[in-house]
């Protein structure tokens, strides 16, 4: 299994605090059946800055250590960049790092409580610049939860999304779990990834998430998402069913 979103690099953000923590995370990932992890440290989120050149060097160092530990897992470079108006310029200047460096797929993180007005325009500009943006964990964005049509419009125009394994299983609460399942059923998301930060309160949960997806949405959906992760690393096109809007039900005059 491939995990395309993980904070396993040591001492660069709020993920692994040191190399031993990274090794511990890698061991746990192996126990979950994960063979490849894309390291995606936070970038320009107001707390952390992790530029392409530094991430690549940190990934090399971590892979060397994991090789010494004889762990059957490979770390690939990636980045989780908070949306900002300079992304296309930073891409041109070599500061942004697509997943697996050459895949052409680029993570874009929204603020947790709203969707900036310029989001659709920026996503369009990134596509014109030659990358394929992926919105990470939209199921945890307050404005998208309240107005799912915002995400529907974005996906309809060709942007992909990735939900968190712990959202699928309910670790972020019943509301987020319900909304995550709605996104999957409406073909509004294309990947499930761990977004793991440690092995305690922000672990991998990949096996559990795919077990839930198989039970609730069927084997085919789980296999599709697993296959999509490999297609992403290879830089291939992700093809899915037509996205659908999420309809809110009206019960006793109240929308739910």
C-alpha atoms as a PDB file:
ATOM      1  CA  UNK A   1       0.000   0.000   0.000  1.00  0.00           C
ATOM      2  CA  UNK A   2       1.116   3.575  -0.722  1.00  0.00           C
ATOM      3  CA  UNK A   3       0.573   6.452   1.701  1.00  0.00           C
ATOM      4  CA  UNK A   4       0.738   9.758  -0.191  1.00  0.00           C
ATOM      5  CA  UNK A   5       0.430  12.111   2.812  1.00  0.00           C
ATOM      6  CA  UNK A   6       2.570  11.727   5.925  1.00  0.00           C
ATOM      7  CA  UNK A   7       4.593  13.891   8.314  1.00  0.00           C
ATOM      8  CA  UNK A   8       7.384  11.383   8.847  1.00  0.00           C
ATOM      9  CA  UNK A   9      10.429  13.613   8.268  1.00  0.00           C
ATOM     10  CA  UNK A  10      12.167  14.351  11.565  1.00  0.00           C
ATOM     11  CA  UNK A  11      12.153  17.779  13.211  1.00  0.00           C
ATOM     12  CA  UNK A  12      10.748  19.796  10.300  1.00  0.00           C
ATOM     13  CA  UNK A  13       7.131  20.378  11.372  1.00  0.00           C
ATOM     14  CA  UNK A  14       4.566  19.033  13.852  1.00  0.00           C
ATOM     15  CA  UNK A  15       5.214  15.450  12.771  1.00  0.00           C
ATOM     16  CA  UNK A  16       8.106  13.252  13.920  1.00  0.00           C
ATOM     17  CA  UNK A  17      10.196  15.164  16.438  1.00  0.00           C
ATOM     18  CA  UNK A  18      13.476  13.328  15.778  1.00  0.00           C
ATOM     19  CA  UNK A  19      14.969  10.532  13.695  1.00  0.00           C
ATOM     20  CA  UNK A  20      13.996   7.876  16.230  1.00  0.00           C
ATOM     21  CA  UNK A  21      10.392   9.052  15.961  1.00  0.00           C
ATOM     22  CA  UNK A  22      10.591   8.731  12.177  1.00  0.00           C
ATOM     23  CA  UNK A  23      11.916   5.169  12.507  1.00  0.00           C
ATOM     24  CA  UNK A  24       9.102   4.336  14.919  1.00  0.00           C
ATOM     25  CA  UNK A  25       6.551   5.690  12.438  1.00  0.00           C
ATOM     26  CA  UNK A  26       8.134   3.681   9.617  1.00  0.00           C
ATOM     27  CA  UNK A  27       7.947   0.469  11.648  1.00  0.00           C
ATOM     28  CA  UNK A  28       4.285   1.068  12.376  1.00  0.00           C
ATOM     29  CA  UNK A  29       3.616   1.828   8.701  1.00  0.00           C
ATOM     30  CA  UNK A  30       5.194  -1.487   7.708  1.00  0.00           C
ATOM     31  CA  UNK A  31       2.885  -3.251  10.154  1.00  0.00           C
ATOM     32  CA  UNK A  32      -0.029  -1.595   8.322  1.00  0.00           C
ATOM     33  CA  UNK A  33       1.113  -3.029   4.987  1.00  0.00           C
ATOM     34  CA  UNK A  34       2.514   0.282   3.742  1.00  0.00           C
ATOM     35  CA  UNK A  35       5.527  -0.088   1.459  1.00  0.00           C
ATOM     36  CA  UNK A  36       5.892   3.499   0.235  1.00  0.00           C
ATOM     37  CA  UNK A  37       5.343   6.829   1.985  1.00  0.00           C
ATOM     38  CA  UNK A  38       5.370  10.277   0.439  1.00  0.00           C
ATOM     39  CA  UNK A  39       6.795  12.642   3.061  1.00  0.00           C
ATOM     40  CA  UNK A  40       4.727  15.827   2.939  1.00  0.00           C
ATOM     41  CA  UNK A  41       5.922  18.378   5.511  1.00  0.00           C
ATOM     42  CA  UNK A  42       3.935  21.560   6.016  1.00  0.00           C
ATOM     43  CA  UNK A  43       5.032  24.562   3.973  1.00  0.00           C
ATOM     44  CA  UNK A  44       4.041  28.222   4.405  1.00  0.00           C
ATOM     45  CA  UNK A  45       1.246  27.490   6.851  1.00  0.00           C
ATOM     46  CA  UNK A  46       2.269  30.279   9.200  1.00  0.00           C
ATOM     47  CA  UNK A  47       4.476  28.046  11.339  1.00  0.00           C
ATOM     48  CA  UNK A  48       6.717  26.036   9.036  1.00  0.00           C
ATOM     49  CA  UNK A  49       8.673  26.559   5.851  1.00  0.00           C
ATOM     50  CA  UNK A  50       9.993  23.479   4.081  1.00  0.00           C
ATOM     51  CA  UNK A  51      11.392  24.152   0.639  1.00  0.00           C
ATOM     52  CA  UNK A  52      11.941  21.615  -2.112  1.00  0.00           C
ATOM     53  CA  UNK A  53      15.736  21.352  -1.861  1.00  0.00           C
ATOM     54  CA  UNK A  54      15.651  20.785   1.908  1.00  0.00           C
ATOM     55  CA  UNK A  55      12.903  18.166   1.729  1.00  0.00           C
ATOM     56  CA  UNK A  56      14.797  16.138  -0.857  1.00  0.00           C
ATOM     57  CA  UNK A  57      17.920  16.102   1.342  1.00  0.00           C
ATOM     58  CA  UNK A  58      15.916  15.115   4.433  1.00  0.00           C
ATOM     59  CA  UNK A  59      14.255  12.275   2.524  1.00  0.00           C
ATOM     60  CA  UNK A  60      17.659  10.939   1.456  1.00  0.00           C
ATOM     61  CA  UNK A  61      18.876  10.944   5.053  1.00  0.00           C
ATOM     62  CA  UNK A  62      15.742   9.186   6.304  1.00  0.00           C
ATOM     63  CA  UNK A  63      15.908   6.525   3.596  1.00  0.00           C
ATOM     64  CA  UNK A  64      19.522   5.833   4.545  1.00  0.00           C
ATOM     65  CA  UNK A  65      18.558   5.334   8.171  1.00  0.00           C
ATOM     66  CA  UNK A  66      15.627   3.075   7.294  1.00  0.00           C
ATOM     67  CA  UNK A  67      17.946   1.022   5.060  1.00  0.00           C
ATOM     68  CA  UNK A  68      20.304   0.596   8.018  1.00  0.00           C
ATOM     69  CA  UNK A  69      17.317  -0.580  10.076  1.00  0.00           C
ATOM     70  CA  UNK A  70      16.448  -3.116   7.321  1.00  0.00           C
ATOM     71  CA  UNK A  71      12.924  -1.761   7.086  1.00  0.00           C
ATOM     72  CA  UNK A  72      11.130  -2.669   3.812  1.00  0.00           C
ATOM     73  CA  UNK A  73       9.766   0.794   3.145  1.00  0.00           C
ATOM     74  CA  UNK A  74      10.676   3.678   0.837  1.00  0.00           C
ATOM     75  CA  UNK A  75      10.201   7.381   1.528  1.00  0.00           C
ATOM     76  CA  UNK A  76       9.550   9.709  -1.401  1.00  0.00           C
ATOM     77  CA  UNK A  77       9.630  13.520  -1.377  1.00  0.00           C
ATOM     78  CA  UNK A  78       6.526  15.669  -1.263  1.00  0.00           C
ATOM     79  CA  UNK A  79       5.155  18.813   0.344  1.00  0.00           C
ATOM     80  CA  UNK A  80       1.911  20.126   1.852  1.00  0.00           C
ATOM     81  CA  UNK A  81       1.710  23.794   0.910  1.00  0.00           C
ATOM     82  CA  UNK A  82      -0.863  26.142   2.404  1.00  0.00           C
ATOM     83  CA  UNK A  83      -2.727  27.908  -0.379  1.00  0.00           C
ATOM     84  CA  UNK A  84      -1.345  31.358  -1.159  1.00  0.00           C
ATOM     85  CA  UNK A  85      -1.300  33.786  -4.047  1.00  0.00           C
ATOM     86  CA  UNK A  86       2.376  33.192  -4.846  1.00  0.00           C
ATOM     87  CA  UNK A  87       2.157  29.483  -5.569  1.00  0.00           C
ATOM     88  CA  UNK A  88       2.599  29.708  -9.325  1.00  0.00           C
ATOM     89  CA  UNK A  89       5.625  31.987  -8.876  1.00  0.00           C
ATOM     90  CA  UNK A  90       7.108  29.662  -6.258  1.00  0.00           C
ATOM     91  CA  UNK A  91       6.532  26.732  -8.602  1.00  0.00           C
ATOM     92  CA  UNK A  92       8.409  28.511 -11.385  1.00  0.00           C
ATOM     93  CA  UNK A  93      11.231  29.353  -8.975  1.00  0.00           C
ATOM     94  CA  UNK A  94      11.637  25.741  -7.896  1.00  0.00           C
ATOM     95  CA  UNK A  95      10.437  26.167  -4.314  1.00  0.00           C
ATOM     96  CA  UNK A  96       7.369  23.916  -4.541  1.00  0.00           C
ATOM     97  CA  UNK A  97       7.694  20.155  -4.674  1.00  0.00           C
ATOM     98  CA  UNK A  98       5.193  17.949  -6.511  1.00  0.00           C
ATOM     99  CA  UNK A  99       4.615  14.526  -4.959  1.00  0.00           C
ATOM    100  CA  UNK A 100       7.447  12.147  -5.859  1.00  0.00           C
ATOM    101  CA  UNK A 101       9.125  15.198  -7.412  1.00  0.00           C
ATOM    102  CA  UNK A 102       8.220  14.382 -11.020  1.00  0.00           C
ATOM    103  CA  UNK A 103       4.588  13.200 -10.786  1.00  0.00           C
ATOM    104  CA  UNK A 104       3.085  16.591 -11.612  1.00  0.00           C
ATOM    105  CA  UNK A 105       0.629  16.253  -8.708  1.00  0.00           C
ATOM    106  CA  UNK A 106       0.830  19.041  -6.112  1.00  0.00           C
ATOM    107  CA  UNK A 107      -0.752  19.167  -2.648  1.00  0.00           C
ATOM    108  CA  UNK A 108      -2.715  22.310  -1.765  1.00  0.00           C
ATOM    109  CA  UNK A 109      -3.888  22.825   1.816  1.00  0.00           C
ATOM    110  CA  UNK A 110      -6.822  25.119   2.580  1.00  0.00           C
ATOM    111  CA  UNK A 111      -7.235  26.947   5.911  1.00  0.00           C
ATOM    112  CA  UNK A 112      -9.307  24.890   8.326  1.00  0.00           C
ATOM    113  CA  UNK A 113     -12.207  27.316   8.610  1.00  0.00           C
ATOM    114  CA  UNK A 114     -12.744  28.829   5.155  1.00  0.00           C
ATOM    115  CA  UNK A 115     -12.048  28.671   1.431  1.00  0.00           C
ATOM    116  CA  UNK A 116     -10.192  31.772   0.159  1.00  0.00           C
ATOM    117  CA  UNK A 117     -12.009  33.674  -2.583  1.00  0.00           C
ATOM    118  CA  UNK A 118      -9.117  33.248  -5.009  1.00  0.00           C
ATOM    119  CA  UNK A 119      -9.021  29.441  -4.649  1.00  0.00           C
ATOM    120  CA  UNK A 120     -10.638  28.508  -7.975  1.00  0.00           C
ATOM    121  CA  UNK A 121      -8.525  31.032  -9.875  1.00  0.00           C
ATOM    122  CA  UNK A 122      -5.309  29.794  -8.273  1.00  0.00           C
ATOM    123  CA  UNK A 123      -6.133  26.160  -8.984  1.00  0.00           C
ATOM    124  CA  UNK A 124      -6.780  27.129 -12.599  1.00  0.00           C
ATOM    125  CA  UNK A 125      -3.437  28.944 -12.772  1.00  0.00           C
ATOM    126  CA  UNK A 126      -1.606  25.938 -11.316  1.00  0.00           C
ATOM    127  CA  UNK A 127      -3.106  23.717 -13.989  1.00  0.00           C
ATOM    128  CA  UNK A 128      -1.994  26.185 -16.662  1.00  0.00           C
ATOM    129  CA  UNK A 129       1.485  26.017 -15.110  1.00  0.00           C
ATOM    130  CA  UNK A 130       1.530  22.276 -15.740  1.00  0.00           C
ATOM    131  CA  UNK A 131       0.679  20.736 -12.373  1.00  0.00           C
ATOM    132  CA  UNK A 132      -2.360  18.848 -11.155  1.00  0.00           C
ATOM    133  CA  UNK A 133      -3.495  20.226  -7.779  1.00  0.00           C
ATOM    134  CA  UNK A 134      -4.882  18.008  -5.025  1.00  0.00           C
ATOM    135  CA  UNK A 135      -6.868  19.573  -2.179  1.00  0.00           C
ATOM    136  CA  UNK A 136      -5.929  17.785   1.052  1.00  0.00           C
ATOM    137  CA  UNK A 137      -8.434  16.852   3.775  1.00  0.00           C
ATOM    138  CA  UNK A 138     -11.384  18.975   2.490  1.00  0.00           C
ATOM    139  CA  UNK A 139     -13.647  17.003   4.845  1.00  0.00           C
ATOM    140  CA  UNK A 140     -12.153  18.961   7.752  1.00  0.00           C
ATOM    141  CA  UNK A 141     -12.737  22.412   6.252  1.00  0.00           C
ATOM    142  CA  UNK A 142     -15.540  24.216   8.104  1.00  0.00           C
ATOM    143  CA  UNK A 143     -16.839  26.174   5.104  1.00  0.00           C
ATOM    144  CA  UNK A 144     -16.843  23.118   2.819  1.00  0.00           C
ATOM    145  CA  UNK A 145     -18.762  21.099   5.419  1.00  0.00           C
ATOM    146  CA  UNK A 146     -21.376  23.876   5.548  1.00  0.00           C
ATOM    147  CA  UNK A 147     -21.420  24.383   1.777  1.00  0.00           C
ATOM    148  CA  UNK A 148     -20.308  21.224  -0.080  1.00  0.00           C
ATOM    149  CA  UNK A 149     -21.063  22.862  -3.442  1.00  0.00           C
ATOM    150  CA  UNK A 150     -17.806  24.775  -3.041  1.00  0.00           C
ATOM    151  CA  UNK A 151     -15.910  21.495  -3.344  1.00  0.00           C
ATOM    152  CA  UNK A 152     -18.231  20.139  -6.027  1.00  0.00           C
ATOM    153  CA  UNK A 153     -17.470  23.140  -8.261  1.00  0.00           C
ATOM    154  CA  UNK A 154     -13.718  22.691  -7.712  1.00  0.00           C
ATOM    155  CA  UNK A 155     -13.754  18.955  -8.474  1.00  0.00           C
ATOM    156  CA  UNK A 156     -16.025  19.485 -11.475  1.00  0.00           C
ATOM    157  CA  UNK A 157     -13.310  21.695 -12.969  1.00  0.00           C
ATOM    158  CA  UNK A 158     -10.712  18.945 -12.634  1.00  0.00           C
ATOM    159  CA  UNK A 159      -9.079  19.365  -9.241  1.00  0.00           C
ATOM    160  CA  UNK A 160      -8.556  16.193  -7.203  1.00  0.00           C
ATOM    161  CA  UNK A 161      -8.953  15.743  -3.447  1.00  0.00           C
ATOM    162  CA  UNK A 162      -7.585  13.489  -0.705  1.00  0.00           C
ATOM    163  CA  UNK A 163      -9.365  12.548   2.516  1.00  0.00           C
ATOM    164  CA  UNK A 164      -7.707  11.418   5.730  1.00  0.00           C
ATOM    165  CA  UNK A 165      -7.878   7.802   6.871  1.00  0.00           C
ATOM    166  CA  UNK A 166      -8.837   8.868  10.399  1.00  0.00           C
ATOM    167  CA  UNK A 167     -11.736  10.891   8.976  1.00  0.00           C
ATOM    168  CA  UNK A 168     -13.050   7.756   7.290  1.00  0.00           C
ATOM    169  CA  UNK A 169     -12.961   5.799  10.548  1.00  0.00           C
ATOM    170  CA  UNK A 170     -14.376   8.519  12.790  1.00  0.00           C
ATOM    171  CA  UNK A 171     -11.336   9.697  14.784  1.00  0.00           C
ATOM    172  CA  UNK A 172     -12.211  13.314  13.956  1.00  0.00           C
ATOM    173  CA  UNK A 173     -15.781  12.875  15.152  1.00  0.00           C
ATOM    174  CA  UNK A 174     -19.120  11.666  13.821  1.00  0.00           C
ATOM    175  CA  UNK A 175     -19.818  14.797  11.767  1.00  0.00           C
ATOM    176  CA  UNK A 176     -16.524  14.597   9.885  1.00  0.00           C
ATOM    177  CA  UNK A 177     -16.944  10.834   9.406  1.00  0.00           C
ATOM    178  CA  UNK A 178     -20.421  11.277   7.922  1.00  0.00           C
ATOM    179  CA  UNK A 179     -19.251  14.052   5.616  1.00  0.00           C
ATOM    180  CA  UNK A 180     -16.205  12.045   4.508  1.00  0.00           C
ATOM    181  CA  UNK A 181     -18.434   9.117   3.543  1.00  0.00           C
ATOM    182  CA  UNK A 182     -20.673  11.524   1.624  1.00  0.00           C
ATOM    183  CA  UNK A 183     -17.661  12.833  -0.298  1.00  0.00           C
ATOM    184  CA  UNK A 184     -16.581   9.312  -1.223  1.00  0.00           C
ATOM    185  CA  UNK A 185     -20.085   8.278  -2.306  1.00  0.00           C
ATOM    186  CA  UNK A 186     -20.467  11.466  -4.377  1.00  0.00           C
ATOM    187  CA  UNK A 187     -17.167  10.873  -6.202  1.00  0.00           C
ATOM    188  CA  UNK A 188     -15.772  14.081  -4.724  1.00  0.00           C
ATOM    189  CA  UNK A 189     -12.525  12.541  -3.504  1.00  0.00           C
ATOM    190  CA  UNK A 190      -9.892  10.377  -5.143  1.00  0.00           C
ATOM    191  CA  UNK A 191      -7.388   9.309  -2.496  1.00  0.00           C
ATOM    192  CA  UNK A 192      -7.284   8.244   1.126  1.00  0.00           C
ATOM    193  CA  UNK A 193      -4.031   8.853   2.983  1.00  0.00           C
ATOM    194  CA  UNK A 194      -2.902   8.785   6.583  1.00  0.00           C
ATOM    195  CA  UNK A 195      -1.757  12.366   7.256  1.00  0.00           C
ATOM    196  CA  UNK A 196       0.063  10.614  10.106  1.00  0.00           C
ATOM    197  CA  UNK A 197       2.089  12.768  12.501  1.00  0.00           C
ATOM    198  CA  UNK A 198       3.079  10.117  15.058  1.00  0.00           C
ATOM    199  CA  UNK A 199       2.077   6.638  16.259  1.00  0.00           C
ATOM    200  CA  UNK A 200      -0.120   7.733  19.166  1.00  0.00           C
ATOM    201  CA  UNK A 201      -2.909  10.247  18.569  1.00  0.00           C
ATOM    202  CA  UNK A 202      -2.237  10.892  14.848  1.00  0.00           C
ATOM    203  CA  UNK A 203      -1.367   7.464  13.492  1.00  0.00           C
ATOM    204  CA  UNK A 204      -1.753   5.812  10.097  1.00  0.00           C
ATOM    205  CA  UNK A 205      -5.189   4.091  10.257  1.00  0.00           C
ATOM    206  CA  UNK A 206      -4.857   3.005   6.618  1.00  0.00           C
ATOM    207  CA  UNK A 207      -5.923  -0.608   7.120  1.00  0.00           C
ATOM    208  CA  UNK A 208      -8.886   0.487   9.216  1.00  0.00           C
ATOM    209  CA  UNK A 209      -9.925   3.122   6.675  1.00  0.00           C
ATOM    210  CA  UNK A 210      -9.878   0.700   3.756  1.00  0.00           C
ATOM    211  CA  UNK A 211     -11.758  -1.875   5.820  1.00  0.00           C
ATOM    212  CA  UNK A 212     -14.455   0.755   6.436  1.00  0.00           C
ATOM    213  CA  UNK A 213     -14.540   1.756   2.766  1.00  0.00           C
ATOM    214  CA  UNK A 214     -14.918  -1.877   1.690  1.00  0.00           C
ATOM    215  CA  UNK A 215     -17.750  -2.398   4.165  1.00  0.00           C
ATOM    216  CA  UNK A 216     -19.595   0.858   3.454  1.00  0.00           C
ATOM    217  CA  UNK A 217     -18.822   1.628  -0.215  1.00  0.00           C
ATOM    218  CA  UNK A 218     -17.643  -1.684  -1.634  1.00  0.00           C
ATOM    219  CA  UNK A 219     -14.424  -3.442  -2.591  1.00  0.00           C
ATOM    220  CA  UNK A 220     -14.186  -1.604  -5.905  1.00  0.00           C
ATOM    221  CA  UNK A 221     -13.976   1.820  -4.243  1.00  0.00           C
ATOM    222  CA  UNK A 222     -11.178   0.704  -1.946  1.00  0.00           C
ATOM    223  CA  UNK A 223      -9.216  -0.837  -4.821  1.00  0.00           C
ATOM    224  CA  UNK A 224      -9.745   2.284  -6.959  1.00  0.00           C
ATOM    225  CA  UNK A 225      -8.261   4.523  -4.291  1.00  0.00           C
ATOM    226  CA  UNK A 226      -5.330   2.161  -3.743  1.00  0.00           C
ATOM    227  CA  UNK A 227      -4.670   2.078  -7.492  1.00  0.00           C
ATOM    228  CA  UNK A 228      -4.906   5.875  -7.704  1.00  0.00           C
ATOM    229  CA  UNK A 229      -1.972   6.252  -5.319  1.00  0.00           C
ATOM    230  CA  UNK A 230       0.226   4.238  -7.680  1.00  0.00           C
ATOM    231  CA  UNK A 231      -1.029   6.158 -10.712  1.00  0.00           C
ATOM    232  CA  UNK A 232      -0.152   9.375  -8.905  1.00  0.00           C
ATOM    233  CA  UNK A 233       3.422   8.301  -8.223  1.00  0.00           C
ATOM    234  CA  UNK A 234       3.781   7.305 -11.861  1.00  0.00           C
ATOM    235  CA  UNK A 235       2.404  10.648 -13.051  1.00  0.00           C
ATOM    236  CA  UNK A 236      -0.525   8.962 -14.753  1.00  0.00           C
ATOM    237  CA  UNK A 237      -4.029  10.381 -15.122  1.00  0.00           C
ATOM    238  CA  UNK A 238      -6.618   9.678 -12.435  1.00  0.00           C
ATOM    239  CA  UNK A 239      -9.974   8.733 -13.931  1.00  0.00           C
ATOM    240  CA  UNK A 240     -13.103   8.428 -11.826  1.00  0.00           C
ATOM    241  CA  UNK A 241     -16.863   8.591 -11.945  1.00  0.00           C
ATOM    242  CA  UNK A 242     -18.664  11.887 -12.527  1.00  0.00           C
ATOM    243  CA  UNK A 243     -18.744  13.984  -9.338  1.00  0.00           C
ATOM    244  CA  UNK A 244     -22.151  14.632  -7.831  1.00  0.00           C
ATOM    245  CA  UNK A 245     -23.355  17.418  -5.529  1.00  0.00           C
ATOM    246  CA  UNK A 246     -24.122  16.477  -1.952  1.00  0.00           C
ATOM    247  CA  UNK A 247     -27.766  17.125  -1.261  1.00  0.00           C
ATOM    248  CA  UNK A 248     -28.762  18.243   2.209  1.00  0.00           C
ATOM    249  CA  UNK A 249     -31.942  16.710   3.579  1.00  0.00           C
ATOM    250  CA  UNK A 250     -34.640  18.938   5.056  1.00  0.00           C
ATOM    251  CA  UNK A 251     -36.170  17.488   8.206  1.00  0.00           C
ATOM    252  CA  UNK A 252     -38.927  19.428  10.015  1.00  0.00           C
ATOM    253  CA  UNK A 253     -37.824  22.619   8.320  1.00  0.00           C
ATOM    254  CA  UNK A 254     -34.180  22.151   9.308  1.00  0.00           C
ATOM    255  CA  UNK A 255     -31.434  21.180   6.868  1.00  0.00           C
ATOM    256  CA  UNK A 256     -29.152  18.372   8.019  1.00  0.00           C
END
